[in-house]
Amino acid sequence: MNNLEYTQDDLYYPDYGVQLAGKRGALFTFLFIAPLIISSISVAALPGFNYLVVGLGLIGTAAFFLTSFSEGFHLPKEGIAFVAFLCWSFTGFFVAPIVSVYLTTLFTMFKFLVFFLIIAHFARNRATISVMFFALLIGSAIVAVSAYLSGDYVRAEVYGERIAGTALNANVFAMTLVYATLVLLYFFKIWKSLILKIGIIGILLILARLIIASGSRKGFISFMMVLFFWYFFAYKKEILRNPLRPILAGLAILVVIVFLYRNLAYTLMAERMQRFLETLQAGGVGVETSSVATRLSMIRRGLKIIAANPLFGIGLNQYRVVSGFGSYAHNNYIEMFSNTGLVGGIIYYSIFVVLWLRLRRLSKIPLEKYELEIVNISKVFIVIRFVVDLVAVSYYSKINWILIAMLVGFTYYLERRALRLQTDEDYHQTEYLYTQSESSAYV
């Protein structure tokens, strides 16, 4: 049985009562969840705006419970892993050197869990996931435009300063634009209009220039990786069957890369990348002025903390207290395994492993084009996440949890639909065989 024979209502809402609940969920997504995503990405770091995010979060929570009572509570395995991680993190209360710092971080992780559950709950079909994707793009656009309006970009051009916009942090600014790039590439693949595709290429060139101006090495590397891995996952099956589209997409990627190369020269980014390479060649020794050397020292210190506290770790956000650096580790693996121990780190990364396994299962069943492309960008996101976590702390990033919640929620409902269709097909096949056997018995 081909799942493409079903309409969206058949696939997600098999009876009238649930259809109404689904439409109500779409309305809640537009009215409350989209503003929550936009504000969380764009203005949450500004003084006073956190109350706006909290208020929208409370409304989203109410909508979550309202629709859950109508449709039933569904918790993806990634959500279970997140809850398990949070429960394990409670052990930090007994080992944390500064309990107040630990409790503040624990409360923040609880808020991220609420974010995760709400967004994953509503990211259930094409309508709601599209609204969320556009909300992410709008929030990212506000961050990007703010860099121009505030004069950050001009100062970066003239004085070589790093830009941050309303994100208030250059690395967060760059990674926000990287995630926006991933969503734009999704639309590039599914939209048929040549004009829209050219428009997306133009936006990517602007984002590339802004990422260079941010001076964020992790943002620059992530941007390049997104282009490469997206092209690999999106076109690997088309290269032999229909090579024209992969070739044209490859040329578009080449245009963006050439633009990056031409704009990189004589910038702060080029200088920082050069220091990065020199430090790696020196093994982090004797290059004390380099931030890379400091971060390599942080990793070595983190490994010692993990060896001394392998089971429970030292408590959430306690690396900055124990390490002597007064800062987070700039490495999510070190941060997770030192703060929550080996058990906590494994539980945390199981969230991404579970999602990856679901994506592999979904890759083996018939999917609509947009569904397949969401599976593809989900794979890119996980690859980028595992690599960039070597040089960045992601567990404390709002946009990280927002995007993964979207991808988890949509693929979870996609898998549930596939399982239900398979069950229906098995039932009809069994019923047919039973009817045939009954008929044969009277011959």
Protein backbone atom coordinates (compact mmCIF):
# COMPACT_ATOMS: atom_id res chain seq x y z
CA MET A 1 0.00 0.00 0.00
CA ASN A 2 1.46 3.33 -1.01
CA ASN A 3 1.15 6.02 1.65
CA LEU A 4 0.99 8.69 -1.04
CA GLU A 5 -2.59 7.62 -1.73
CA TYR A 6 -3.71 9.22 1.51
CA THR A 7 -4.61 12.85 2.07
CA GLN A 8 -3.04 14.86 4.89
CA ASP A 9 -6.23 14.53 6.95
CA ASP A 10 -6.29 10.75 6.42
CA LEU A 11 -2.66 10.43 7.40
CA TYR A 12 -2.74 12.49 10.58
CA TYR A 13 -6.36 12.85 11.66
CA PRO A 14 -8.41 9.70 10.84
CA ASP A 15 -11.74 10.91 12.28
CA TYR A 16 -13.63 14.19 12.41
CA GLY A 17 -13.05 14.86 16.11
CA VAL A 18 -9.30 14.52 15.77
CA GLN A 19 -9.35 16.61 12.59
CA LEU A 20 -10.84 19.46 14.62
CA ALA A 21 -8.12 18.98 17.24
CA GLY A 22 -5.50 19.05 14.49
CA LYS A 23 -6.87 22.29 13.06
CA ARG A 24 -6.91 23.78 16.54
CA GLY A 25 -3.28 22.75 16.93
CA ALA A 26 -2.40 24.49 13.65
CA LEU A 27 -4.15 27.64 14.87
CA PHE A 28 -2.26 27.52 18.18
CA THR A 29 1.00 27.08 16.26
CA PHE A 30 0.36 30.22 14.24
CA LEU A 31 -0.89 32.35 17.13
CA PHE A 32 1.40 31.28 19.98
CA ILE A 33 4.19 28.87 19.00
CA ALA A 34 5.49 30.90 16.06
CA PRO A 35 5.77 34.13 18.15
CA LEU A 36 7.48 32.06 20.87
CA ILE A 37 10.07 30.81 18.38
CA ILE A 38 10.62 34.26 16.84
CA SER A 39 11.09 36.03 20.16
CA SER A 40 13.28 33.26 21.62
CA ILE A 41 15.67 33.52 18.69
CA SER A 42 15.71 37.28 18.16
CA VAL A 43 15.18 39.28 21.36
CA ALA A 44 15.32 36.88 24.33
CA ALA A 45 18.83 38.05 25.23
CA LEU A 46 17.77 41.71 25.47
CA PRO A 47 16.88 43.10 28.92
CA GLY A 48 13.20 42.71 29.73
CA PHE A 49 12.27 40.62 26.70
CA ASN A 50 12.76 37.38 28.62
CA TYR A 51 9.37 38.09 30.22
CA LEU A 52 7.80 38.07 26.75
CA VAL A 53 9.34 34.66 26.05
CA VAL A 54 8.20 33.29 29.41
CA GLY A 55 4.67 34.58 28.83
CA LEU A 56 4.47 33.03 25.37
CA GLY A 57 5.92 29.85 26.82
CA LEU A 58 3.14 29.68 29.41
CA ILE A 59 0.51 30.19 26.72
CA GLY A 60 2.18 27.51 24.61
CA THR A 61 2.15 25.16 27.59
CA ALA A 62 -1.59 25.72 28.06
CA ALA A 63 -2.14 25.01 24.34
CA PHE A 64 -0.01 21.88 24.68
CA PHE A 65 -2.18 20.50 27.47
CA LEU A 66 -5.42 21.52 25.77
CA THR A 67 -4.62 19.71 22.53
CA SER A 68 -3.05 16.77 24.36
CA PHE A 69 -6.29 16.10 26.24
CA SER A 70 -8.10 16.12 22.91
CA GLU A 71 -5.63 13.96 20.98
CA GLY A 72 -3.79 12.01 23.66
CA PHE A 73 -0.34 12.52 25.12
CA HIS A 74 2.53 11.38 22.92
CA LEU A 75 6.14 11.57 24.09
CA PRO A 76 8.91 10.83 21.56
CA LYS A 77 11.80 8.68 22.75
CA GLU A 78 14.00 11.76 22.49
CA GLY A 79 11.69 13.46 25.00
CA ILE A 80 12.02 10.47 27.32
CA ALA A 81 15.81 10.73 27.00
CA PHE A 82 15.64 14.46 27.77
CA VAL A 83 13.54 13.77 30.88
CA ALA A 84 15.98 11.03 31.91
CA PHE A 85 18.91 13.44 31.47
CA LEU A 86 17.19 16.06 33.60
CA CYS A 87 16.44 13.47 36.31
CA TRP A 88 20.05 12.29 36.31
CA SER A 89 21.19 15.92 36.55
CA PHE A 90 19.54 16.11 39.98
CA THR A 91 22.54 14.16 41.31
CA GLY A 92 24.53 17.34 40.83
CA PHE A 93 22.82 18.82 43.87
CA PHE A 94 24.96 16.56 46.08
CA VAL A 95 28.30 17.18 44.31
CA ALA A 96 28.16 20.74 42.96
CA PRO A 97 30.71 23.10 44.58
CA ILE A 98 28.40 26.11 44.10
CA VAL A 99 24.81 24.93 44.41
CA SER A 100 23.26 28.26 43.37
CA VAL A 101 24.96 28.11 39.96
CA TYR A 102 23.88 24.48 39.61
CA LEU A 103 20.24 25.23 40.48
CA THR A 104 20.06 28.16 38.06
CA THR A 105 21.33 25.96 35.23
CA LEU A 106 19.02 23.11 36.21
CA PHE A 107 16.05 25.47 36.03
CA THR A 108 17.19 26.67 32.59
CA MET A 109 17.40 23.06 31.38
CA PHE A 110 13.88 22.49 32.70
CA LYS A 111 12.70 25.47 30.61
CA PHE A 112 14.44 23.97 27.57
CA LEU A 113 12.60 20.71 28.24
CA VAL A 114 9.28 22.57 28.24
CA PHE A 115 10.32 24.29 24.98
CA PHE A 116 11.24 20.93 23.51
CA LEU A 117 7.97 19.21 24.45
CA ILE A 118 5.75 22.08 23.27
CA ILE A 119 7.42 22.54 19.88
CA ALA A 120 7.78 18.80 19.22
CA HIS A 121 4.09 18.35 20.07
CA PHE A 122 2.91 20.86 17.46
CA ALA A 123 5.45 20.00 14.72
CA ARG A 124 3.21 17.26 13.37
CA ASN A 125 2.41 18.01 9.72
CA ARG A 126 3.38 20.14 6.76
CA ALA A 127 1.34 23.14 7.85
CA THR A 128 2.74 23.43 11.38
CA ILE A 129 6.35 22.56 10.50
CA SER A 130 6.26 25.16 7.70
CA VAL A 131 4.97 27.83 10.10
CA MET A 132 7.78 26.94 12.52
CA PHE A 133 10.42 27.04 9.79
CA PHE A 134 9.24 30.48 8.69
CA ALA A 135 9.23 31.60 12.33
CA LEU A 136 12.85 30.49 12.65
CA LEU A 137 13.73 32.42 9.49
CA ILE A 138 11.93 35.54 10.72
CA GLY A 139 13.72 35.38 14.07
CA SER A 140 17.06 34.93 12.30
CA ALA A 141 16.25 37.83 9.95
CA ILE A 142 15.64 40.10 12.95
CA VAL A 143 19.04 39.10 14.36
CA ALA A 144 20.72 39.75 11.00
CA VAL A 145 19.00 43.10 10.32
CA SER A 146 19.78 44.28 13.86
CA ALA A 147 23.48 43.97 13.05
CA TYR A 148 23.01 46.57 10.31
CA LEU A 149 20.69 48.89 12.21
CA SER A 150 22.88 48.94 15.33
CA GLY A 151 25.98 49.87 13.35
CA ASP A 152 27.73 46.62 14.25
CA TYR A 153 28.32 45.75 10.64
CA VAL A 154 29.85 49.13 9.82
CA ARG A 155 32.19 48.88 12.82
CA ALA A 156 33.17 45.38 11.71
CA GLU A 157 34.01 46.70 8.23
CA VAL A 158 35.96 49.72 9.49
CA TYR A 159 37.54 48.58 12.76
CA GLY A 160 37.49 44.80 12.41
CA GLU A 161 35.12 44.31 15.35
CA ARG A 162 32.91 41.23 15.70
CA ILE A 163 29.16 41.63 15.16
CA ALA A 164 26.43 40.09 17.30
CA GLY A 165 23.16 41.98 16.72
CA THR A 166 20.39 41.25 19.20
CA ALA A 167 22.02 37.89 19.97
CA LEU A 168 24.63 39.87 21.98
CA ASN A 169 27.21 37.14 21.26
CA ALA A 170 29.12 36.75 18.00
CA ASN A 171 29.13 32.94 18.12
CA VAL A 172 25.39 32.74 18.85
CA PHE A 173 24.81 35.26 16.05
CA ALA A 174 26.75 33.12 13.56
CA MET A 175 25.17 29.81 14.58
CA THR A 176 21.70 31.36 14.31
CA LEU A 177 22.47 32.24 10.71
CA VAL A 178 23.86 28.73 10.13
CA TYR A 179 20.58 27.15 11.26
CA ALA A 180 18.68 29.63 9.08
CA THR A 181 20.87 28.48 6.18
CA LEU A 182 19.82 24.88 6.79
CA VAL A 183 16.12 25.81 6.62
CA LEU A 184 16.68 27.94 3.51
CA LEU A 185 18.34 24.98 1.78
CA TYR A 186 15.26 22.90 2.58
CA PHE A 187 13.07 25.45 0.77
CA PHE A 188 15.61 25.64 -2.07
CA LYS A 189 15.11 21.91 -2.64
CA ILE A 190 11.32 21.74 -2.46
CA TRP A 191 10.38 25.00 -4.21
CA LYS A 192 10.11 24.67 -7.99
CA SER A 193 10.24 28.37 -8.90
CA LEU A 194 13.59 29.39 -10.39
CA ILE A 195 13.07 32.95 -9.15
CA LEU A 196 12.64 31.74 -5.56
CA LYS A 197 15.74 29.56 -5.85
CA ILE A 198 17.81 32.50 -7.12
CA GLY A 199 16.42 34.60 -4.25
CA ILE A 200 17.56 32.00 -1.74
CA ILE A 201 21.06 31.99 -3.26
CA GLY A 202 21.15 35.78 -2.83
CA ILE A 203 20.11 35.47 0.83
CA LEU A 204 22.79 32.81 1.39
CA LEU A 205 25.43 35.24 0.06
CA ILE A 206 24.25 37.87 2.57
CA LEU A 207 24.34 35.32 5.40
CA ALA A 208 27.83 34.23 4.36
CA ARG A 209 29.07 37.82 4.55
CA LEU A 210 27.50 38.33 7.96
CA ILE A 211 29.04 35.13 9.30
CA ILE A 212 32.45 36.33 8.12
CA ALA A 213 31.84 39.67 9.86
CA SER A 214 30.97 37.85 13.08
CA GLY A 215 34.50 36.47 13.26
CA SER A 216 33.08 33.17 14.50
CA ARG A 217 35.29 30.33 13.37
CA LYS A 218 32.77 27.71 14.46
CA GLY A 219 30.06 29.59 12.55
CA PHE A 220 32.21 29.75 9.41
CA ILE A 221 33.15 26.06 9.57
CA SER A 222 29.55 25.07 10.32
CA PHE A 223 28.30 27.09 7.35
CA MET A 224 30.70 25.28 5.01
CA MET A 225 29.75 21.92 6.50
CA VAL A 226 26.03 22.63 6.08
CA LEU A 227 26.56 23.33 2.37
CA PHE A 228 28.58 20.16 1.86
CA PHE A 229 26.49 17.70 3.86
CA TRP A 230 23.18 19.12 2.64
CA TYR A 231 24.30 18.65 -0.95
CA PHE A 232 25.42 15.08 -0.17
CA PHE A 233 22.19 14.00 1.54
CA ALA A 234 19.84 15.92 -0.77
CA TYR A 235 21.31 14.88 -4.13
CA LYS A 236 23.22 11.62 -3.64
CA LYS A 237 20.32 9.56 -5.08
CA GLU A 238 19.66 11.97 -7.96
CA ILE A 239 23.15 12.22 -9.41
CA LEU A 240 22.78 9.10 -11.58
CA ARG A 241 19.02 9.28 -12.24
CA ASN A 242 18.70 12.97 -13.09
CA PRO A 243 22.12 14.69 -13.06
CA LEU A 244 20.90 18.11 -14.26
CA ARG A 245 19.46 19.26 -10.91
CA PRO A 246 22.46 18.10 -8.86
CA ILE A 247 24.78 19.88 -11.28
CA LEU A 248 22.82 23.15 -11.08
CA ALA A 249 22.63 22.91 -7.27
CA GLY A 250 26.36 22.21 -7.18
CA LEU A 251 27.00 25.34 -9.25
CA ALA A 252 24.89 27.36 -6.82
CA ILE A 253 26.93 26.01 -3.90
CA LEU A 254 30.12 26.84 -5.83
CA VAL A 255 28.95 30.45 -6.27
CA VAL A 256 28.45 30.77 -2.51
CA ILE A 257 31.87 29.23 -1.76
CA VAL A 258 33.67 31.51 -4.26
CA PHE A 259 31.89 34.48 -2.69
CA LEU A 260 33.07 33.34 0.75
CA TYR A 261 36.66 33.00 -0.44
CA ARG A 262 36.72 36.42 -2.11
CA ASN A 263 35.27 38.14 0.96
CA LEU A 264 37.44 36.34 3.48
CA ALA A 265 40.73 38.04 2.66
CA TYR A 266 42.01 40.73 5.06
CA THR A 267 39.18 40.20 7.54
CA LEU A 268 39.20 39.40 11.23
CA MET A 269 37.88 35.95 10.31
CA ALA A 270 40.91 35.28 8.10
CA GLU A 271 43.23 36.39 10.90
CA ARG A 272 41.47 34.17 13.45
CA MET A 273 41.49 31.19 11.09
CA GLN A 274 45.22 31.69 10.52
CA ARG A 275 45.85 31.71 14.29
CA PHE A 276 43.70 28.60 14.59
CA LEU A 277 45.83 26.72 12.05
CA GLU A 278 49.10 27.91 13.61
CA THR A 279 47.97 26.79 17.05
CA LEU A 280 46.98 23.35 15.77
CA GLN A 281 50.37 22.99 14.06
CA ALA A 282 52.10 23.93 17.32
CA GLY A 283 49.94 21.52 19.31
CA GLY A 284 48.68 24.35 21.50
CA VAL A 285 52.13 24.80 23.05
CA GLY A 286 53.91 28.12 23.14
CA VAL A 287 51.06 30.07 21.55
CA GLU A 288 49.57 31.53 24.71
CA THR A 289 48.01 34.50 22.98
CA SER A 290 45.75 32.26 20.93
CA SER A 291 42.22 31.49 22.13
CA VAL A 292 42.64 28.06 20.55
CA ALA A 293 45.58 27.33 22.87
CA THR A 294 43.42 28.28 25.83
CA ARG A 295 40.62 26.02 24.68
CA LEU A 296 42.99 23.11 24.21
CA SER A 297 44.08 23.67 27.80
CA MET A 298 40.41 23.67 28.80
CA ILE A 299 39.94 20.28 27.15
CA ARG A 300 42.94 18.82 28.96
CA ARG A 301 41.63 20.16 32.25
CA GLY A 302 38.18 18.80 31.47
CA LEU A 303 39.55 15.31 30.84
CA LYS A 304 41.17 15.36 34.27
CA ILE A 305 37.88 16.42 35.87
CA ILE A 306 36.07 13.56 34.09
CA ALA A 307 38.70 11.05 35.23
CA ALA A 308 38.34 12.25 38.83
CA ASN A 309 34.51 12.28 38.76
CA PRO A 310 33.46 9.65 36.20
CA LEU A 311 30.02 8.68 37.50
CA PHE A 312 28.14 11.77 38.71
CA GLY A 313 30.42 14.52 37.44
CA ILE A 314 30.57 17.79 39.32
CA GLY A 315 27.10 19.25 38.63
CA LEU A 316 25.60 21.31 35.82
CA ASN A 317 27.65 24.36 34.83
CA GLN A 318 30.29 23.60 37.45
CA TYR A 319 33.16 23.26 34.99
CA ARG A 320 33.62 27.03 35.13
CA VAL A 321 33.93 26.75 38.92
CA VAL A 322 36.28 23.77 39.18
CA SER A 323 38.48 24.24 36.12
CA GLY A 324 39.98 27.54 37.22
CA PHE A 325 39.22 29.16 33.85
CA GLY A 326 36.06 30.88 35.06
CA SER A 327 34.31 29.99 31.82
CA TYR A 328 32.47 27.13 30.18
CA ALA A 329 34.61 24.60 28.35
CA HIS A 330 33.92 25.73 24.74
CA ASN A 331 33.43 22.00 24.09
CA ASN A 332 30.04 20.38 24.63
CA TYR A 333 31.49 16.90 25.19
CA ILE A 334 33.78 18.15 27.95
CA GLU A 335 30.96 20.22 29.42
CA MET A 336 28.48 17.32 29.46
CA PHE A 337 30.76 14.54 30.66
CA SER A 338 32.50 16.66 33.30
CA ASN A 339 29.30 18.20 34.65
CA THR A 340 27.02 15.15 34.57
CA GLY A 341 29.47 12.26 34.44
CA LEU A 342 29.72 9.49 31.87
CA VAL A 343 26.14 8.37 32.51
CA GLY A 344 24.72 11.87 32.06
CA GLY A 345 26.74 12.49 28.90
CA ILE A 346 25.62 9.21 27.35
CA ILE A 347 21.95 9.93 28.16
CA TYR A 348 22.27 13.42 26.68
CA TYR A 349 23.74 12.25 23.38
CA SER A 350 21.24 9.40 23.16
CA ILE A 351 18.73 12.12 22.17
CA PHE A 352 20.60 12.57 18.90
CA VAL A 353 21.32 8.87 18.41
CA VAL A 354 17.61 8.01 18.76
CA LEU A 355 16.73 10.69 16.20
CA TRP A 356 19.39 9.41 13.80
CA LEU A 357 18.05 5.85 14.03
CA ARG A 358 14.52 7.09 13.28
CA LEU A 359 15.82 9.00 10.27
CA ARG A 360 17.44 5.84 8.95
CA ARG A 361 14.16 3.95 9.28
CA LEU A 362 12.24 6.73 7.56
CA SER A 363 14.75 6.76 4.69
CA LYS A 364 13.67 3.23 3.80
CA ILE A 365 9.94 3.95 3.31
CA PRO A 366 8.10 5.93 0.60
CA LEU A 367 7.90 9.62 1.54
CA GLU A 368 6.62 12.76 -0.07
CA LYS A 369 9.29 15.13 -1.36
CA TYR A 370 9.03 17.63 1.48
CA GLU A 371 9.09 14.83 4.06
CA LEU A 372 12.24 13.36 2.54
CA GLU A 373 13.92 16.76 2.56
CA ILE A 374 13.10 17.26 6.25
CA VAL A 375 14.69 13.88 6.90
CA ASN A 376 17.75 15.04 4.94
CA ILE A 377 18.18 18.33 6.78
CA SER A 378 17.69 16.45 10.06
CA LYS A 379 20.67 14.27 9.16
CA VAL A 380 22.71 17.36 8.32
CA PHE A 381 21.76 18.93 11.65
CA ILE A 382 22.91 15.88 13.62
CA VAL A 383 26.22 15.64 11.75
CA ILE A 384 26.88 19.35 12.31
CA ARG A 385 25.88 19.04 15.96
CA PHE A 386 28.29 16.17 16.66
CA VAL A 387 31.18 17.95 14.92
CA VAL A 388 30.62 21.50 16.18
CA ASP A 389 30.20 20.24 19.76
CA LEU A 390 33.97 19.77 19.68
CA VAL A 391 34.38 23.56 19.72
CA ALA A 392 31.09 24.90 21.09
CA VAL A 393 28.69 24.43 24.00
CA SER A 394 25.27 23.69 22.50
CA TYR A 395 23.26 22.31 25.41
CA TYR A 396 22.66 25.88 26.62
CA SER A 397 21.47 27.20 23.23
CA LYS A 398 17.80 28.07 22.70
CA ILE A 399 17.90 27.80 18.93
CA ASN A 400 19.59 24.40 19.21
CA TRP A 401 16.65 23.03 21.20
CA ILE A 402 14.08 24.82 19.07
CA LEU A 403 15.35 23.29 15.83
CA ILE A 404 15.87 19.80 17.20
CA ALA A 405 12.37 19.88 18.72
CA MET A 406 10.92 20.72 15.30
CA LEU A 407 12.79 17.87 13.65
CA VAL A 408 12.05 15.37 16.42
CA GLY A 409 8.35 16.24 16.51
CA PHE A 410 7.80 16.03 12.77
CA THR A 411 9.76 12.81 12.24
CA TYR A 412 8.06 11.23 15.28
CA TYR A 413 4.60 11.82 13.83
CA LEU A 414 5.87 10.74 10.42
CA GLU A 415 7.03 7.42 11.87
CA ARG A 416 3.78 6.92 13.78
CA ARG A 417 1.88 7.45 10.54
CA ALA A 418 4.07 4.91 8.75
CA LEU A 419 3.54 2.35 11.53
CA ARG A 420 -0.22 2.89 11.46
CA LEU A 421 -0.34 2.47 7.69
CA GLN A 422 1.77 -0.68 7.95
CA THR A 423 -0.61 -2.04 10.60
CA ASP A 424 -3.60 -1.25 8.38
CA GLU A 425 -1.93 -2.96 5.43
CA ASP A 426 -1.11 -6.04 7.50
CA TYR A 427 -4.70 -6.14 8.75
CA HIS A 428 -6.20 -5.93 5.25
CA GLN A 429 -3.76 -8.54 3.97
CA THR A 430 -4.62 -10.90 6.84
CA GLU A 431 -8.33 -10.30 6.29
CA TYR A 432 -7.92 -11.07 2.59
CA LEU A 433 -6.03 -14.32 3.27
CA TYR A 434 -8.65 -15.34 5.81
CA THR A 435 -11.45 -14.69 3.30
CA GLN A 436 -9.61 -16.68 0.66
CA SER A 437 -9.12 -19.62 3.03
CA GLU A 438 -12.79 -19.53 4.02
CA SER A 439 -13.81 -19.58 0.37
CA SER A 440 -11.49 -22.48 -0.35
CA ALA A 441 -13.01 -24.46 2.50
CA TYR A 442 -16.38 -24.59 0.70
CA VAL A 443 -15.05 -25.52 -2.71
